[in-house]
Amino acid sequence: MPVIKAPYFPIIYVRGYAMTRDEINQTTADPFCGFNLGSTVYRAVPDKNQQPRKYVFESPVVRLGSEFGYSDVYEDGYDIVDPEWEVAADGKPTDNSLTGRSIVIYRYYDPASTLLGDGHTPSIEGFAKGLGTLVARVRELVCKNPANGMAPKDFRCYLVAHSMGGLVCRAFLQNPALDPGNMRAHVDKFFTYATPHNGIDLLGINTPSWLTAFDIDNFNRQERMPEYLNLKKAYAKHSRVDLIPEESFSSRKVFCMVGTNRMDYDTAAGLSRTFVGNGSDGLVRIANATLMGLDANGSIGEPCAKAFTFRSHSGYFGIVNSEEAFQNLTRFLFGDVRVDLWLDIEDIRLPTAVQVEADAGRSVNALYQIEVLASPRGKLWYLSRRTAEEDSVACVAHANWKEDRAQYLSSIFLANRAKVNPKRRSLAYSLTLGIRAPDYEIERRLWVNEHYEGGYLFRNALILEMVPPRNENEMWKVKYSWQGSGMLAAETVLDVKPLDKERVEVVVPFDSHTIEADGTHKPAFPGVKGSLRFVISAWNADMDDY
């Protein structure tokens, strides 16, 4: 049996930015460049008199090995890029080769180290070219192994990157001049942790292009990023660089993991999180950490998959070292079902008194904050978590809600191997949706009548359960139930609408309402009416059982 079995392809990890020479030296002294760091935290327990329970996250490297059979590629102290890697102790060539389940660390800072290099830091273009060379080397060694049964044209790998590492990967994927060997064609999926896809902002100002010390200008979106990302025309049109051209790499093959906890980021004695401000992971603003597809005609296309977790940019309690991010990573790479979640707003009703002011021609505005919490069946963590207190909500202004009525909230990947009951065919997760009651303004003055801080226009949780088709003659079976006020409502079977050969769509309506004395429901003022739209597809359909 071949060792290479979809979707278990080699993983190439690309670490983030190191600023000072000392940080670069520390980076190169670590064999796994931080991918081996774990964390130990406490979880609350039901008994308040009992000590909180310790929870150990062993690190992505350890978990990929223990749960999915992956291993590192180091041999006798050498990396696969070292000529000695294929030479035995007696000086004779070896038959060293790689299996499909290999973790390769792209040690792109080695030349910049005073320990292993000459202390000169290559440009980000140089890093991107080096990544292409590494992909070619991994392909060579995988295809060299006869047990893999893999031809060079069929070789595939995954790119997993943290912070600036995601920009290195994008430069390689998006800029043909940095990939002369067309190695990007061999990348199957691309996952980023906390990457500043649209640059880094301090005090609301983007990193200036003239700030070249320590290569900080790599995060300048006006001049530097469009250059190495091959996005000059797109930036001139859209004034943004968080775009990945579909002709270079499919947006459906990209996942952006976003951190939302700035307070645990201690770099520069906390100055970074202060200057970056709220709505960030301490270094990267939430708004800058996701990607959109860029269609061939230059228009903005589909959003890339994204999820949110209350973790900081890096450190022991950073985003890479979290159970939430690891679960999103492995489900994106190896999972079975993908669900893209959209919120479609049909109507927003103002408080009666505010509507009177609006009808009189006065300017009325408000900011609606949309919260989402998604957790798979039987698990003690969220796959995506967006709350107002963590500044991670989706926001819609009342003045523009009709233009912004369709909101992409998150993507959820589910895996058969993680089922609580393996005999059960369905996959399910719980979704809590909350739309906060805003601060209403009339002619830019706060309207405080009948306002209760922290209130919701709508808040409820539903359970979505999906049964994938067993063959091409079957359809998806999808049902849901609202949990309401602690009571599970009767299950409702949904009509399934095919979108294309891969995807189907189901719609769950909702509406804010009041319950009258006779038990009848009436629309609530203020209130919101709309629907949750779930776009469901099989993921890794050619996957072999693990």
Protein backbone atom coordinates (compact mmCIF):
# COMPACT_ATOMS: atom_id res chain seq x y z
CA MET A 1 0.00 0.00 0.00
CA PRO A 2 1.33 3.48 -0.85
CA VAL A 3 2.33 5.68 2.07
CA ILE A 4 0.93 8.76 0.32
CA LYS A 5 -2.83 8.71 0.86
CA ALA A 6 -4.95 11.79 0.35
CA PRO A 7 -5.32 13.92 2.36
CA TYR A 8 -2.17 13.04 4.34
CA PHE A 9 0.43 15.04 2.44
CA PRO A 10 3.69 16.53 3.76
CA ILE A 11 3.30 19.67 5.87
CA ILE A 12 5.77 22.53 5.41
CA TYR A 13 5.71 24.92 8.37
CA VAL A 14 6.80 28.52 7.81
CA ARG A 15 7.39 30.51 10.99
CA GLY A 16 6.80 34.19 11.60
CA TYR A 17 8.85 37.37 11.83
CA ALA A 18 11.94 37.73 13.99
CA MET A 19 13.02 41.33 14.41
CA THR A 20 16.36 41.62 16.18
CA ARG A 21 19.53 39.64 15.62
CA ASP A 22 19.05 37.99 19.01
CA GLU A 23 15.50 36.91 18.06
CA ILE A 24 16.81 35.53 14.76
CA ASN A 25 19.50 33.56 16.60
CA GLN A 26 16.92 32.18 19.05
CA THR A 27 14.73 31.20 16.12
CA THR A 28 17.47 29.29 14.35
CA ALA A 29 18.51 27.57 17.58
CA ASP A 30 15.04 25.99 17.78
CA PRO A 31 14.76 22.94 15.47
CA PHE A 32 11.01 23.48 14.99
CA CYS A 33 10.98 27.30 15.03
CA GLY A 34 8.18 27.45 17.60
CA PHE A 35 5.90 24.83 16.03
CA ASN A 36 6.88 22.55 18.91
CA LEU A 37 5.70 24.87 21.68
CA GLY A 38 2.72 23.81 23.76
CA SER A 39 0.79 25.26 26.68
CA THR A 40 -0.67 24.21 30.01
CA VAL A 41 -3.82 25.90 31.29
CA TYR A 42 -6.65 25.39 33.77
CA ARG A 43 -10.24 24.49 33.00
CA ALA A 44 -13.09 25.25 35.35
CA VAL A 45 -14.82 22.32 37.10
CA PRO A 46 -18.40 22.02 38.41
CA ASP A 47 -17.41 21.95 42.09
CA LYS A 48 -16.36 25.45 43.19
CA ASN A 49 -14.45 23.95 46.10
CA GLN A 50 -12.39 21.74 43.81
CA GLN A 51 -9.07 22.72 42.24
CA PRO A 52 -9.48 23.67 38.55
CA ARG A 53 -8.50 20.87 36.21
CA LYS A 54 -5.18 21.13 34.41
CA TYR A 55 -5.30 20.93 30.62
CA VAL A 56 -2.15 20.21 28.58
CA PHE A 57 -1.80 21.09 24.90
CA GLU A 58 1.28 19.22 23.78
CA SER A 59 2.12 21.32 20.65
CA PRO A 60 1.17 20.91 16.99
CA VAL A 61 4.26 18.80 16.24
CA VAL A 62 3.52 16.27 18.98
CA ARG A 63 -0.20 16.10 18.21
CA LEU A 64 0.31 15.67 14.46
CA GLY A 65 2.62 12.80 15.31
CA SER A 66 0.55 11.07 17.98
CA GLU A 67 -2.85 11.50 16.28
CA PHE A 68 -2.05 11.46 12.57
CA GLY A 69 1.23 9.56 12.27
CA TYR A 70 3.36 12.50 11.12
CA SER A 71 7.09 12.70 11.90
CA ASP A 72 9.90 15.19 11.44
CA VAL A 73 12.54 14.83 8.72
CA TYR A 74 15.74 15.32 10.70
CA GLU A 75 18.29 12.48 10.39
CA ASP A 76 21.47 12.21 12.49
CA GLY A 77 21.35 15.92 13.19
CA TYR A 78 20.86 16.99 9.58
CA ASP A 79 17.99 18.64 7.70
CA ILE A 80 16.85 17.54 4.25
CA VAL A 81 18.49 20.63 2.70
CA ASP A 82 21.90 19.61 4.08
CA PRO A 83 24.08 17.52 1.71
CA GLU A 84 24.99 15.26 4.64
CA TRP A 85 21.35 14.17 5.03
CA GLU A 86 21.78 11.54 2.29
CA VAL A 87 25.24 10.44 3.41
CA ALA A 88 25.84 7.70 5.99
CA ALA A 89 28.46 7.86 8.71
CA ASP A 90 30.87 5.92 6.51
CA GLY A 91 30.53 8.53 3.78
CA LYS A 92 28.47 6.36 1.44
CA PRO A 93 25.15 7.53 -0.04
CA THR A 94 22.01 6.38 1.77
CA ASP A 95 18.54 5.60 0.48
CA ASN A 96 16.99 8.28 2.73
CA SER A 97 13.62 9.42 1.46
CA LEU A 98 10.41 10.83 2.90
CA THR A 99 7.00 9.43 3.66
CA GLY A 100 3.89 11.41 2.92
CA ARG A 101 3.31 12.15 6.60
CA SER A 102 6.34 14.37 7.10
CA ILE A 103 6.65 17.70 8.91
CA VAL A 104 9.23 19.93 7.24
CA ILE A 105 10.32 23.18 8.88
CA TYR A 106 11.28 25.96 6.48
CA ARG A 107 14.28 27.42 8.31
CA TYR A 108 14.45 30.57 6.22
CA TYR A 109 16.18 32.61 8.92
CA ASP A 110 19.30 30.39 8.96
CA PRO A 111 21.27 32.65 6.55
CA ALA A 112 20.42 35.68 8.75
CA SER A 113 21.74 34.02 11.91
CA THR A 114 25.20 34.75 13.25
CA LEU A 115 25.21 31.14 14.45
CA LEU A 116 24.43 29.38 11.16
CA GLY A 117 24.76 32.12 8.55
CA ASP A 118 26.56 35.35 7.78
CA GLY A 119 24.16 37.61 9.67
CA HIS A 120 22.66 39.08 6.50
CA THR A 121 18.86 38.85 6.30
CA PRO A 122 17.55 38.01 2.81
CA SER A 123 14.58 39.90 1.40
CA ILE A 124 11.08 38.46 1.61
CA GLU A 125 11.44 37.76 -2.12
CA GLY A 126 14.47 35.64 -1.29
CA PHE A 127 12.49 33.80 1.37
CA ALA A 128 9.72 33.08 -1.17
CA LYS A 129 12.17 31.72 -3.75
CA GLY A 130 13.72 29.54 -1.06
CA LEU A 131 10.29 28.12 -0.25
CA GLY A 132 9.89 27.05 -3.87
CA THR A 133 13.27 25.34 -3.69
CA LEU A 134 12.22 23.54 -0.51
CA VAL A 135 8.94 22.33 -2.07
CA ALA A 136 10.96 20.94 -4.99
CA ARG A 137 13.31 19.18 -2.55
CA VAL A 138 10.41 17.62 -0.62
CA ARG A 139 8.85 16.47 -3.89
CA GLU A 140 12.14 14.90 -4.95
CA LEU A 141 12.52 12.96 -1.71
CA VAL A 142 8.88 11.85 -1.52
CA CYS A 143 8.83 10.64 -5.12
CA LYS A 144 12.19 8.94 -4.59
CA ASN A 145 10.54 6.61 -2.05
CA PRO A 146 9.06 3.68 -4.05
CA ALA A 147 6.70 2.86 -1.18
CA ASN A 148 4.88 6.15 -1.79
CA GLY A 149 3.87 5.26 -5.33
CA MET A 150 3.94 8.99 -6.15
CA ALA A 151 4.86 10.48 -9.53
CA PRO A 152 6.34 14.03 -9.49
CA LYS A 153 3.31 15.47 -11.33
CA ASP A 154 0.97 14.09 -8.65
CA PHE A 155 2.94 15.32 -5.64
CA ARG A 156 1.07 17.61 -3.23
CA CYS A 157 1.95 19.29 0.07
CA TYR A 158 0.45 21.69 2.61
CA LEU A 159 1.77 25.10 3.65
CA VAL A 160 1.11 26.00 7.29
CA ALA A 161 2.36 29.42 8.32
CA HIS A 162 2.43 31.77 11.29
CA SER A 163 2.43 35.56 11.05
CA MET A 164 4.92 36.83 8.40
CA GLY A 165 5.38 33.23 7.28
CA GLY A 166 1.98 33.56 5.64
CA LEU A 167 3.27 36.50 3.59
CA VAL A 168 6.29 34.46 2.54
CA CYS A 169 3.91 31.74 1.36
CA ARG A 170 1.69 34.23 -0.45
CA ALA A 171 4.66 35.78 -2.24
CA PHE A 172 5.62 32.30 -3.41
CA LEU A 173 2.05 31.42 -4.44
CA GLN A 174 1.07 34.75 -6.01
CA ASN A 175 4.22 36.06 -7.68
CA PRO A 176 5.35 33.91 -10.67
CA ALA A 177 8.73 35.68 -10.70
CA LEU A 178 9.43 34.15 -7.27
CA ASP A 179 8.44 30.63 -8.35
CA PRO A 180 10.27 29.92 -11.61
CA GLY A 181 9.82 26.16 -11.17
CA ASN A 182 5.99 26.48 -10.80
CA MET A 183 6.11 24.62 -7.49
CA ARG A 184 2.93 26.36 -6.36
CA ALA A 185 1.03 23.84 -8.52
CA HIS A 186 2.04 21.22 -5.94
CA VAL A 187 0.50 23.03 -2.94
CA ASP A 188 -2.86 21.52 -2.04
CA LYS A 189 -3.92 23.72 0.92
CA PHE A 190 -2.64 26.82 2.70
CA PHE A 191 -3.33 27.56 6.39
CA THR A 192 -2.29 30.76 8.20
CA TYR A 193 -2.17 31.64 11.89
CA ALA A 194 -2.40 35.37 12.65
CA THR A 195 -0.90 36.54 9.36
CA PRO A 196 -1.08 40.31 8.67
CA HIS A 197 -2.55 39.76 5.21
CA ASN A 198 -3.39 43.46 4.88
CA GLY A 199 -0.32 44.74 6.70
CA ILE A 200 0.29 45.94 10.26
CA ASP A 201 -1.22 49.14 11.69
CA LEU A 202 0.13 51.00 14.72
CA LEU A 203 -2.00 53.78 16.22
CA GLY A 204 -4.24 53.39 13.18
CA ILE A 205 -1.40 54.08 10.74
CA ASN A 206 -0.01 51.46 8.37
CA THR A 207 3.70 50.66 8.71
CA PRO A 208 5.46 53.25 6.48
CA SER A 209 7.53 52.10 3.49
CA TRP A 210 10.54 54.17 4.60
CA LEU A 211 10.83 52.19 7.85
CA THR A 212 13.29 49.66 6.42
CA ALA A 213 15.11 48.89 9.67
CA PHE A 214 14.65 45.22 10.62
CA ASP A 215 12.61 44.80 7.38
CA ILE A 216 9.54 46.32 9.04
CA ASP A 217 8.53 47.75 5.66
CA ASN A 218 7.50 44.19 4.71
CA PHE A 219 4.16 45.07 6.37
CA ASN A 220 3.56 48.24 4.34
CA ARG A 221 0.49 47.72 2.13
CA GLN A 222 0.82 50.87 0.01
CA GLU A 223 4.12 50.08 -1.70
CA ARG A 224 6.08 47.12 -0.38
CA MET A 225 3.41 44.41 -0.10
CA PRO A 226 1.86 45.01 -3.56
CA GLU A 227 5.35 44.63 -4.96
CA TYR A 228 6.26 41.21 -3.58
CA LEU A 229 2.67 39.91 -3.62
CA ASN A 230 2.24 40.88 -7.28
CA LEU A 231 -0.80 43.01 -6.46
CA LYS A 232 0.08 46.47 -7.82
CA LYS A 233 -2.95 46.62 -10.13
CA ALA A 234 -5.26 45.20 -7.47
CA TYR A 235 -4.05 47.69 -4.86
CA ALA A 236 -4.54 50.58 -7.25
CA LYS A 237 -8.15 49.45 -7.71
CA HIS A 238 -9.11 48.28 -4.21
CA SER A 239 -6.57 49.94 -1.83
CA ARG A 240 -6.01 46.60 -0.09
CA VAL A 241 -3.67 43.61 -0.38
CA ASP A 242 -5.57 40.96 1.56
CA LEU A 243 -6.34 39.35 -1.81
CA ILE A 244 -5.23 36.08 -3.38
CA PRO A 245 -5.68 35.78 -7.16
CA GLU A 246 -7.77 32.76 -8.12
CA GLU A 247 -5.52 32.19 -11.13
CA SER A 248 -2.60 31.71 -8.72
CA PHE A 249 -4.25 29.71 -5.95
CA SER A 250 -7.87 28.81 -5.20
CA SER A 251 -9.41 30.85 -2.38
CA ARG A 252 -11.30 27.68 -1.32
CA LYS A 253 -7.97 26.09 -0.44
CA VAL A 254 -7.03 28.82 2.06
CA PHE A 255 -7.85 29.07 5.79
CA CYS A 256 -7.16 32.10 8.00
CA MET A 257 -7.01 31.51 11.76
CA VAL A 258 -7.54 34.82 13.58
CA GLY A 259 -6.48 35.63 17.14
CA THR A 260 -8.52 38.09 19.22
CA ASN A 261 -6.75 38.35 22.61
CA ARG A 262 -4.28 41.22 22.64
CA MET A 263 -3.76 41.24 26.41
CA ASP A 264 -1.65 38.05 26.49
CA TYR A 265 0.83 39.48 23.96
CA ASP A 266 3.78 40.74 26.02
CA THR A 267 6.27 41.63 23.28
CA ALA A 268 8.09 44.95 23.84
CA ALA A 269 6.85 45.00 27.44
CA GLY A 270 3.26 45.31 26.21
CA LEU A 271 3.90 48.33 23.98
CA SER A 272 2.90 46.41 20.85
CA ARG A 273 -0.61 45.61 22.07
CA THR A 274 -0.95 49.23 23.22
CA PHE A 275 -0.01 50.72 19.87
CA VAL A 276 -1.99 48.19 17.83
CA GLY A 277 -5.01 48.63 20.07
CA ASN A 278 -8.35 46.89 20.48
CA GLY A 279 -9.61 44.47 17.87
CA SER A 280 -6.28 42.70 17.51
CA ASP A 281 -4.18 39.78 18.74
CA GLY A 282 -1.62 42.22 20.13
CA LEU A 283 0.20 42.70 16.82
CA VAL A 284 -2.19 42.06 13.94
CA ARG A 285 -5.56 43.73 13.72
CA ILE A 286 -8.47 41.32 13.24
CA ALA A 287 -9.56 43.24 10.14
CA ASN A 288 -6.14 42.61 8.55
CA ALA A 289 -5.88 38.87 9.31
CA THR A 290 -8.17 37.37 6.65
CA LEU A 291 -8.11 36.93 2.87
CA MET A 292 -10.44 37.30 -0.09
CA GLY A 293 -10.20 35.75 -3.51
CA LEU A 294 -9.38 38.00 -6.47
CA ASP A 295 -11.17 37.07 -9.68
CA ALA A 296 -9.46 37.11 -13.08
CA ASN A 297 -11.36 40.28 -14.04
CA GLY A 298 -9.86 42.14 -11.06
CA SER A 299 -12.99 42.12 -8.90
CA ILE A 300 -13.07 40.81 -5.34
CA GLY A 301 -14.34 37.24 -5.22
CA GLU A 302 -15.17 34.69 -2.53
CA PRO A 303 -13.88 35.03 1.04
CA CYS A 304 -11.36 32.49 2.22
CA ALA A 305 -12.30 30.25 5.14
CA LYS A 306 -11.76 31.86 8.54
CA ALA A 307 -12.25 31.19 12.23
CA PHE A 308 -11.62 33.17 15.41
CA THR A 309 -10.14 32.22 18.77
CA PHE A 310 -9.44 34.18 21.95
CA ARG A 311 -5.66 33.82 21.72
CA SER A 312 -2.79 36.26 21.32
CA HIS A 313 -0.37 36.58 18.42
CA SER A 314 2.32 34.36 19.91
CA GLY A 315 3.83 33.13 23.17
CA TYR A 316 2.99 30.18 25.38
CA PHE A 317 -0.69 31.10 25.23
CA GLY A 318 -0.53 32.24 21.62
CA ILE A 319 -2.64 31.15 18.70
CA VAL A 320 -0.28 28.43 17.40
CA ASN A 321 -0.27 26.75 20.80
CA SER A 322 -4.02 26.43 21.17
CA GLU A 323 -6.41 23.51 20.97
CA GLU A 324 -8.85 25.65 18.97
CA ALA A 325 -6.35 26.47 16.23
CA PHE A 326 -5.05 22.90 16.11
CA GLN A 327 -8.55 21.55 15.63
CA ASN A 328 -9.21 24.02 12.82
CA LEU A 329 -5.88 23.13 11.21
CA THR A 330 -6.40 19.37 11.24
CA ARG A 331 -10.06 19.53 10.24
CA PHE A 332 -9.19 21.87 7.36
CA LEU A 333 -6.40 19.56 6.20
CA PHE A 334 -7.97 16.17 6.91
CA GLY A 335 -11.69 16.73 7.62
CA ASP A 336 -14.79 15.46 5.81
CA VAL A 337 -17.38 18.25 5.72
CA ARG A 338 -17.10 21.99 5.17
CA VAL A 339 -19.81 24.45 6.23
CA ASP A 340 -19.55 28.12 5.23
CA LEU A 341 -21.82 30.25 7.41
CA TRP A 342 -23.55 33.36 6.11
CA LEU A 343 -25.99 35.74 7.79
CA ASP A 344 -28.55 37.33 5.47
CA ILE A 345 -30.41 40.30 6.95
CA GLU A 346 -33.92 40.77 5.59
CA ASP A 347 -35.17 43.58 7.81
CA ILE A 348 -34.07 45.68 10.78
CA ARG A 349 -36.74 47.33 12.91
CA LEU A 350 -35.92 50.40 14.96
CA PRO A 351 -37.43 51.19 18.37
CA THR A 352 -40.83 52.80 17.79
CA ALA A 353 -39.71 56.21 19.10
CA VAL A 354 -36.55 56.15 16.97
CA GLN A 355 -38.56 55.17 13.89
CA VAL A 356 -40.74 58.24 14.45
CA GLU A 357 -37.61 60.40 14.33
CA ALA A 358 -36.44 58.63 11.16
CA ASP A 359 -39.85 59.15 9.53
CA ALA A 360 -39.54 62.85 10.36
CA GLY A 361 -36.39 62.99 8.26
CA ARG A 362 -33.84 63.03 11.06
CA SER A 363 -30.56 61.18 10.66
CA VAL A 364 -30.57 57.86 12.53
CA ASN A 365 -27.67 55.47 12.86
CA ALA A 366 -26.57 52.50 14.96
CA LEU A 367 -23.89 49.81 14.89
CA TYR A 368 -25.13 46.22 15.07
CA GLN A 369 -22.64 43.72 16.47
CA ILE A 370 -23.01 40.11 15.33
CA GLU A 371 -21.69 37.39 17.65
CA VAL A 372 -21.06 33.77 16.67
CA LEU A 373 -20.00 30.78 18.77
CA ALA A 374 -19.59 27.41 17.03
CA SER A 375 -18.72 24.13 18.74
CA PRO A 376 -18.78 20.55 17.41
CA ARG A 377 -20.72 17.82 19.19
CA GLY A 378 -19.08 16.50 22.35
CA LYS A 379 -16.12 18.94 22.44
CA LEU A 380 -15.03 21.36 25.16
CA TRP A 381 -13.92 24.22 22.92
CA TYR A 382 -15.14 26.48 20.13
CA LEU A 383 -14.07 26.09 16.53
CA SER A 384 -14.90 29.76 16.11
CA ARG A 385 -15.62 32.40 18.74
CA ARG A 386 -16.69 35.97 17.99
CA THR A 387 -17.98 38.13 20.84
CA ALA A 388 -18.43 41.85 21.47
CA GLU A 389 -16.24 41.81 24.59
CA GLU A 390 -13.35 40.41 22.54
CA ASP A 391 -13.80 42.91 19.67
CA SER A 392 -14.15 40.05 17.20
CA VAL A 393 -17.75 40.58 16.09
CA ALA A 394 -18.96 41.31 12.59
CA CYS A 395 -20.33 44.84 12.45
CA VAL A 396 -23.10 46.35 10.33
CA ALA A 397 -24.00 50.05 10.41
CA HIS A 398 -27.70 50.86 10.27
CA ALA A 399 -27.07 53.42 7.54
CA ASN A 400 -25.59 50.73 5.28
CA TRP A 401 -27.30 47.51 6.32
CA LYS A 402 -29.12 47.05 3.03
CA GLU A 403 -25.80 47.12 1.16
CA ASP A 404 -24.14 44.88 3.79
CA ARG A 405 -27.09 42.53 4.33
CA ALA A 406 -25.03 39.41 3.43
CA GLN A 407 -22.35 38.76 6.07
CA TYR A 408 -19.87 35.89 5.86
CA LEU A 409 -19.28 34.87 9.48
CA SER A 410 -17.03 31.79 9.54
CA SER A 411 -16.26 28.34 8.13
CA ILE A 412 -16.57 25.14 10.12
CA PHE A 413 -14.80 21.91 9.17
CA LEU A 414 -16.01 18.64 10.69
CA ALA A 415 -14.27 15.28 10.80
CA ASN A 416 -15.61 11.73 10.96
CA ARG A 417 -12.58 10.60 12.96
CA ALA A 418 -13.52 13.02 15.77
CA LYS A 419 -17.06 11.73 16.24
CA VAL A 420 -18.20 11.04 19.78
CA ASN A 421 -20.21 8.08 18.46
CA PRO A 422 -18.38 6.55 15.45
CA LYS A 423 -21.47 4.53 14.49
CA ARG A 424 -23.51 7.65 13.93
CA ARG A 425 -23.51 8.78 10.29
CA SER A 426 -24.33 12.40 11.00
CA LEU A 427 -22.01 15.28 11.84
CA ALA A 428 -23.33 18.11 13.98
CA TYR A 429 -22.37 21.31 15.69
CA SER A 430 -23.98 23.94 17.88
CA LEU A 431 -24.14 27.54 16.74
CA THR A 432 -25.00 30.48 18.96
CA LEU A 433 -26.01 33.64 17.10
CA GLY A 434 -26.32 36.96 18.89
CA ILE A 435 -27.08 40.39 17.43
CA ARG A 436 -26.46 43.09 20.01
CA ALA A 437 -28.90 45.92 20.64
CA PRO A 438 -26.89 48.98 19.62
CA ASP A 439 -26.49 52.52 20.84
CA TYR A 440 -28.90 54.47 18.63
CA GLU A 441 -27.95 57.96 17.50
CA ILE A 442 -30.37 60.62 16.29
CA GLU A 443 -28.62 63.50 14.55
CA ARG A 444 -25.39 62.14 16.11
CA ARG A 445 -26.80 62.40 19.62
CA LEU A 446 -27.26 59.27 21.73
CA TRP A 447 -30.81 58.07 22.24
CA VAL A 448 -30.86 56.42 25.67
CA ASN A 449 -34.58 55.95 26.23
CA GLU A 450 -35.41 52.30 26.87
CA HIS A 451 -31.80 51.26 26.26
CA TYR A 452 -30.37 48.41 28.32
CA GLU A 453 -26.64 47.90 27.99
CA GLY A 454 -25.67 44.42 26.81
CA GLY A 455 -29.10 43.63 25.40
CA TYR A 456 -29.74 41.70 22.20
CA LEU A 457 -32.05 42.20 19.27
CA PHE A 458 -31.78 38.46 18.77
CA ARG A 459 -29.94 35.68 20.57
CA ASN A 460 -30.46 31.94 20.27
CA ALA A 461 -28.55 28.73 19.67
CA LEU A 462 -29.30 26.03 17.17
CA ILE A 463 -27.98 22.55 16.51
CA LEU A 464 -27.31 21.74 12.88
CA GLU A 465 -27.05 18.04 11.99
CA MET A 466 -25.90 16.81 8.57
CA VAL A 467 -25.89 13.38 6.97
CA PRO A 468 -23.66 13.28 3.88
CA PRO A 469 -24.82 11.29 0.83
CA ARG A 470 -23.34 7.80 0.47
CA ASN A 471 -23.35 7.94 -3.32
CA GLU A 472 -24.19 10.24 -6.21
CA ASN A 473 -27.84 9.17 -6.16
CA GLU A 474 -28.41 10.42 -2.61
CA MET A 475 -28.85 13.98 -1.35
CA TRP A 476 -27.60 15.62 1.80
CA LYS A 477 -29.99 15.31 4.74
CA VAL A 478 -29.93 18.33 7.03
CA LYS A 479 -32.03 19.21 10.06
CA TYR A 480 -31.86 21.75 12.85
CA SER A 481 -33.47 22.69 16.12
CA TRP A 482 -33.39 25.92 18.11
CA GLN A 483 -32.41 25.54 21.74
CA GLY A 484 -34.40 28.57 22.84
CA SER A 485 -34.55 29.26 26.55
CA GLY A 486 -32.84 26.06 27.55
CA MET A 487 -35.50 23.98 25.79
CA LEU A 488 -34.68 22.00 22.66
CA ALA A 489 -37.32 22.70 20.01
CA ALA A 490 -38.61 20.03 17.69
CA GLU A 491 -36.23 19.11 14.89
CA THR A 492 -36.95 20.67 11.50
CA VAL A 493 -35.82 18.99 8.29
CA LEU A 494 -34.45 21.52 5.82
CA ASP A 495 -34.90 21.77 2.08
CA VAL A 496 -31.54 21.22 0.41
CA LYS A 497 -30.73 23.38 -2.60
CA PRO A 498 -27.85 22.22 -4.87
CA LEU A 499 -25.53 25.10 -5.81
CA ASP A 500 -23.10 23.18 -8.03
CA LYS A 501 -21.57 19.72 -8.23
CA GLU A 502 -19.81 20.16 -4.89
CA ARG A 503 -21.98 22.41 -2.73
CA VAL A 504 -25.52 22.54 -1.37
CA GLU A 505 -27.29 25.25 0.58
CA VAL A 506 -29.78 25.24 3.43
CA VAL A 507 -31.47 28.25 5.00
CA VAL A 508 -32.68 28.70 8.59
CA PRO A 509 -34.93 31.75 9.11
CA PHE A 510 -35.13 33.75 12.34
CA ASP A 511 -36.97 36.80 13.61
CA SER A 512 -37.05 38.79 16.84
CA HIS A 513 -40.47 38.50 18.42
CA THR A 514 -42.44 39.11 21.55
CA ILE A 515 -44.83 36.58 23.11
CA GLU A 516 -48.24 37.96 23.92
CA ALA A 517 -50.41 36.87 26.87
CA ASP A 518 -52.37 34.54 24.61
CA GLY A 519 -49.16 32.86 23.43
CA THR A 520 -49.08 34.44 19.98
CA HIS A 521 -45.82 35.82 18.55
CA LYS A 522 -45.53 39.38 17.28
CA PRO A 523 -42.55 41.16 15.68
CA ALA A 524 -40.39 42.93 18.25
CA PHE A 525 -39.44 46.62 18.05
CA PRO A 526 -36.49 46.94 17.91
CA GLY A 527 -35.83 43.69 16.13
CA VAL A 528 -34.11 41.93 13.27
CA LYS A 529 -35.36 39.45 10.70
CA GLY A 530 -33.16 37.32 8.51
CA SER A 531 -31.75 33.87 7.95
CA LEU A 532 -28.66 31.80 8.53
CA ARG A 533 -27.43 30.37 5.26
CA PHE A 534 -25.27 27.25 5.46
CA VAL A 535 -23.26 26.32 2.36
CA ILE A 536 -22.30 22.65 2.85
CA SER A 537 -19.87 20.52 0.87
CA ALA A 538 -17.93 17.31 1.15
CA TRP A 539 -14.30 17.99 2.00
CA ASN A 540 -11.43 15.67 1.04
CA ALA A 541 -13.88 13.42 -0.78
CA ASP A 542 -11.03 11.18 -1.93
CA MET A 543 -9.76 10.63 1.62
CA ASP A 544 -8.84 7.11 2.72
CA ASP A 545 -9.87 5.93 6.16
CA TYR A 546 -7.14 6.57 8.71
